[in-house]
Amino acid sequence: MRNGAGEAQIVVVTVDGRAERRDVVLGDAIGGRLVVSAGLKVGEVIVIRGQDRLQDGTRVSPVIAARDAAPAASKH
């Protein structure tokens, strides 16, 4: 999503289960998806539905979606 200035934002779920809107930097588009190149940490949970209706600090109960990314290439 974009803020009023047109900058990319994403909503993450904090460790205490609250929504936190955060600025991110987007990279390349790969297969119809955008790579987030800065602003997230490995393992953080992001909101992918309804993020436009969440305010910072709102308590959320995320449902973890199945991963649909292609598996990493095996090393030989």
N, C-alpha and C. Protein backbone atom coordinates (compact mmCIF):
# COMPACT_ATOMS: atom_id res chain seq x y z
N MET A 1 0.83 -1.16 0.00
CA MET A 1 0.00 0.00 0.00
C MET A 1 0.88 1.23 0.00
N ARG A 2 0.28 2.38 -0.24
CA ARG A 2 1.03 3.64 -0.33
C ARG A 2 0.47 4.65 0.67
N ASN A 3 1.34 5.47 1.24
CA ASN A 3 0.88 6.53 2.12
C ASN A 3 0.49 7.74 1.27
N GLY A 4 0.09 8.84 1.90
CA GLY A 4 -0.36 10.03 1.19
C GLY A 4 0.70 10.62 0.27
N ALA A 5 1.97 10.39 0.58
CA ALA A 5 3.07 10.90 -0.25
C ALA A 5 3.45 9.92 -1.35
N GLY A 6 2.76 8.77 -1.42
CA GLY A 6 3.05 7.79 -2.46
C GLY A 6 4.14 6.80 -2.10
N GLU A 7 4.64 6.84 -0.86
CA GLU A 7 5.70 5.93 -0.42
C GLU A 7 5.09 4.59 -0.03
N ALA A 8 5.83 3.51 -0.31
CA ALA A 8 5.36 2.16 0.00
C ALA A 8 5.33 1.91 1.50
N GLN A 9 4.27 1.26 1.95
CA GLN A 9 4.13 0.86 3.36
C GLN A 9 3.60 -0.56 3.43
N ILE A 10 3.86 -1.18 4.56
CA ILE A 10 3.36 -2.52 4.83
C ILE A 10 2.95 -2.57 6.30
N VAL A 11 2.05 -3.46 6.65
CA VAL A 11 1.64 -3.61 8.05
C VAL A 11 2.24 -4.90 8.57
N VAL A 12 2.99 -4.80 9.66
CA VAL A 12 3.56 -5.98 10.31
C VAL A 12 2.83 -6.22 11.62
N VAL A 13 2.92 -7.45 12.12
CA VAL A 13 2.34 -7.81 13.41
C VAL A 13 3.49 -7.82 14.41
N THR A 14 3.38 -7.00 15.44
CA THR A 14 4.44 -6.93 16.45
C THR A 14 4.41 -8.17 17.34
N VAL A 15 5.45 -8.35 18.14
CA VAL A 15 5.52 -9.52 19.02
C VAL A 15 4.39 -9.57 20.03
N ASP A 16 3.80 -8.40 20.34
CA ASP A 16 2.67 -8.41 21.28
C ASP A 16 1.32 -8.44 20.55
N GLY A 17 1.33 -8.76 19.24
CA GLY A 17 0.09 -8.97 18.50
C GLY A 17 -0.65 -7.73 18.06
N ARG A 18 0.09 -6.66 17.80
CA ARG A 18 -0.54 -5.42 17.36
C ARG A 18 -0.05 -5.04 15.96
N ALA A 19 -0.91 -4.33 15.22
CA ALA A 19 -0.56 -3.88 13.88
C ALA A 19 0.39 -2.68 13.97
N GLU A 20 1.38 -2.69 13.10
CA GLU A 20 2.32 -1.57 13.02
C GLU A 20 2.58 -1.25 11.55
N ARG A 21 2.17 -0.08 11.13
CA ARG A 21 2.39 0.37 9.74
C ARG A 21 3.84 0.81 9.63
N ARG A 22 4.50 0.37 8.55
CA ARG A 22 5.93 0.65 8.42
C ARG A 22 6.28 1.01 6.98
N ASP A 23 7.14 2.00 6.81
CA ASP A 23 7.65 2.35 5.49
C ASP A 23 8.62 1.27 5.04
N VAL A 24 8.56 0.92 3.76
CA VAL A 24 9.46 -0.07 3.18
C VAL A 24 9.98 0.45 1.84
N VAL A 25 11.05 -0.17 1.38
CA VAL A 25 11.61 0.13 0.06
C VAL A 25 11.35 -1.08 -0.81
N LEU A 26 10.74 -0.83 -1.97
CA LEU A 26 10.43 -1.92 -2.88
C LEU A 26 11.52 -2.08 -3.92
N GLY A 27 11.77 -3.34 -4.28
CA GLY A 27 12.76 -3.65 -5.31
C GLY A 27 12.06 -4.11 -6.58
N ASP A 28 12.65 -5.10 -7.22
CA ASP A 28 12.15 -5.62 -8.48
C ASP A 28 10.82 -6.35 -8.33
N ALA A 29 10.10 -6.41 -9.43
CA ALA A 29 8.89 -7.25 -9.51
C ALA A 29 9.32 -8.59 -10.08
N ILE A 30 8.91 -9.66 -9.41
CA ILE A 30 9.25 -11.02 -9.85
C ILE A 30 7.97 -11.82 -9.87
N GLY A 31 7.57 -12.27 -11.03
CA GLY A 31 6.37 -13.09 -11.14
C GLY A 31 5.12 -12.42 -10.58
N GLY A 32 4.96 -11.13 -10.81
CA GLY A 32 3.79 -10.43 -10.34
C GLY A 32 3.83 -10.02 -8.87
N ARG A 33 4.94 -10.24 -8.22
CA ARG A 33 5.12 -9.85 -6.82
C ARG A 33 6.26 -8.86 -6.71
N LEU A 34 6.20 -7.99 -5.70
CA LEU A 34 7.26 -7.03 -5.48
C LEU A 34 8.17 -7.49 -4.35
N VAL A 35 9.46 -7.34 -4.55
CA VAL A 35 10.44 -7.65 -3.53
C VAL A 35 10.55 -6.47 -2.58
N VAL A 36 10.50 -6.71 -1.27
CA VAL A 36 10.74 -5.66 -0.28
C VAL A 36 12.23 -5.70 0.01
N SER A 37 12.94 -4.65 -0.40
CA SER A 37 14.40 -4.65 -0.27
C SER A 37 14.90 -4.01 1.02
N ALA A 38 14.04 -3.29 1.73
CA ALA A 38 14.43 -2.70 3.02
C ALA A 38 13.17 -2.40 3.82
N GLY A 39 13.28 -2.52 5.15
CA GLY A 39 12.18 -2.17 6.04
C GLY A 39 11.56 -3.34 6.77
N LEU A 40 11.96 -4.57 6.42
CA LEU A 40 11.47 -5.77 7.10
C LEU A 40 12.64 -6.59 7.60
N LYS A 41 12.37 -7.38 8.63
CA LYS A 41 13.37 -8.31 9.15
C LYS A 41 12.91 -9.73 8.84
N VAL A 42 13.86 -10.62 8.69
CA VAL A 42 13.55 -12.02 8.44
C VAL A 42 12.65 -12.56 9.55
N GLY A 43 11.58 -13.24 9.16
CA GLY A 43 10.68 -13.87 10.12
C GLY A 43 9.53 -13.01 10.58
N GLU A 44 9.50 -11.72 10.22
CA GLU A 44 8.39 -10.88 10.63
C GLU A 44 7.11 -11.32 9.91
N VAL A 45 5.99 -11.18 10.61
CA VAL A 45 4.68 -11.52 10.06
C VAL A 45 4.09 -10.25 9.48
N ILE A 46 3.64 -10.34 8.22
CA ILE A 46 3.01 -9.18 7.59
C ILE A 46 1.53 -9.45 7.36
N VAL A 47 0.76 -8.39 7.30
CA VAL A 47 -0.67 -8.48 7.02
C VAL A 47 -0.85 -8.37 5.51
N ILE A 48 -1.55 -9.34 4.92
CA ILE A 48 -1.73 -9.30 3.47
C ILE A 48 -3.18 -9.03 3.06
N ARG A 49 -4.10 -9.07 3.99
CA ARG A 49 -5.50 -8.73 3.70
C ARG A 49 -6.02 -7.81 4.79
N GLY A 50 -6.70 -6.74 4.37
CA GLY A 50 -7.32 -5.83 5.32
C GLY A 50 -6.39 -4.80 5.92
N GLN A 51 -5.14 -4.74 5.44
CA GLN A 51 -4.18 -3.80 6.03
C GLN A 51 -4.60 -2.36 5.87
N ASP A 52 -5.40 -2.05 4.85
CA ASP A 52 -5.85 -0.68 4.64
C ASP A 52 -6.85 -0.22 5.69
N ARG A 53 -7.43 -1.16 6.44
CA ARG A 53 -8.42 -0.80 7.47
C ARG A 53 -7.82 -0.81 8.88
N LEU A 54 -6.57 -1.18 9.02
CA LEU A 54 -5.94 -1.27 10.34
C LEU A 54 -5.26 0.03 10.74
N GLN A 55 -5.43 0.40 11.98
CA GLN A 55 -4.71 1.53 12.55
C GLN A 55 -3.55 0.99 13.38
N ASP A 56 -2.48 1.77 13.49
CA ASP A 56 -1.36 1.36 14.34
C ASP A 56 -1.85 1.05 15.74
N GLY A 57 -1.37 -0.05 16.30
CA GLY A 57 -1.71 -0.42 17.66
C GLY A 57 -2.92 -1.31 17.80
N THR A 58 -3.68 -1.51 16.70
CA THR A 58 -4.84 -2.39 16.76
C THR A 58 -4.39 -3.82 17.02
N ARG A 59 -5.06 -4.48 17.97
CA ARG A 59 -4.72 -5.89 18.25
C ARG A 59 -5.24 -6.73 17.10
N VAL A 60 -4.39 -7.63 16.60
CA VAL A 60 -4.75 -8.50 15.49
C VAL A 60 -4.51 -9.96 15.86
N SER A 61 -5.26 -10.84 15.23
CA SER A 61 -5.09 -12.29 15.42
C SER A 61 -4.81 -12.89 14.05
N PRO A 62 -3.55 -12.88 13.63
CA PRO A 62 -3.24 -13.34 12.28
C PRO A 62 -3.45 -14.84 12.10
N VAL A 63 -3.82 -15.19 10.90
CA VAL A 63 -3.90 -16.59 10.47
C VAL A 63 -2.75 -16.77 9.50
N ILE A 64 -1.88 -17.68 9.81
CA ILE A 64 -0.70 -17.88 8.98
C ILE A 64 -1.09 -18.62 7.70
N ALA A 65 -0.81 -18.01 6.56
CA ALA A 65 -1.12 -18.61 5.26
C ALA A 65 -0.01 -19.59 4.88
N ALA A 66 -0.39 -20.59 4.12
CA ALA A 66 0.60 -21.55 3.62
C ALA A 66 1.56 -20.83 2.70
N ARG A 67 2.81 -21.18 2.76
CA ARG A 67 3.80 -20.57 1.88
C ARG A 67 3.60 -21.10 0.47
N ASP A 68 3.63 -20.19 -0.48
CA ASP A 68 3.46 -20.62 -1.86
C ASP A 68 4.65 -20.26 -2.72
N ALA A 69 5.73 -19.87 -2.08
CA ALA A 69 6.92 -19.53 -2.82
C ALA A 69 7.60 -20.81 -3.31
N ALA A 70 8.29 -20.70 -4.40
CA ALA A 70 9.02 -21.84 -4.93
C ALA A 70 10.14 -22.20 -3.98
N PRO A 71 10.42 -23.50 -3.80
CA PRO A 71 11.51 -23.90 -2.91
C PRO A 71 12.86 -23.42 -3.45
N ALA A 72 13.76 -23.17 -2.53
CA ALA A 72 15.10 -22.73 -2.92
C ALA A 72 15.80 -23.82 -3.73
N ALA A 73 16.63 -23.40 -4.66
CA ALA A 73 17.35 -24.37 -5.48
C ALA A 73 18.30 -25.17 -4.60
N SER A 74 18.36 -26.45 -4.86
CA SER A 74 19.24 -27.31 -4.06
C SER A 74 20.68 -27.13 -4.51
N LYS A 75 21.60 -27.29 -3.57
CA LYS A 75 23.03 -27.18 -3.86
C LYS A 75 23.59 -28.55 -4.13
N HIS A 76 24.39 -28.67 -5.16
CA HIS A 76 25.03 -29.96 -5.50
C HIS A 76 26.50 -29.85 -5.38
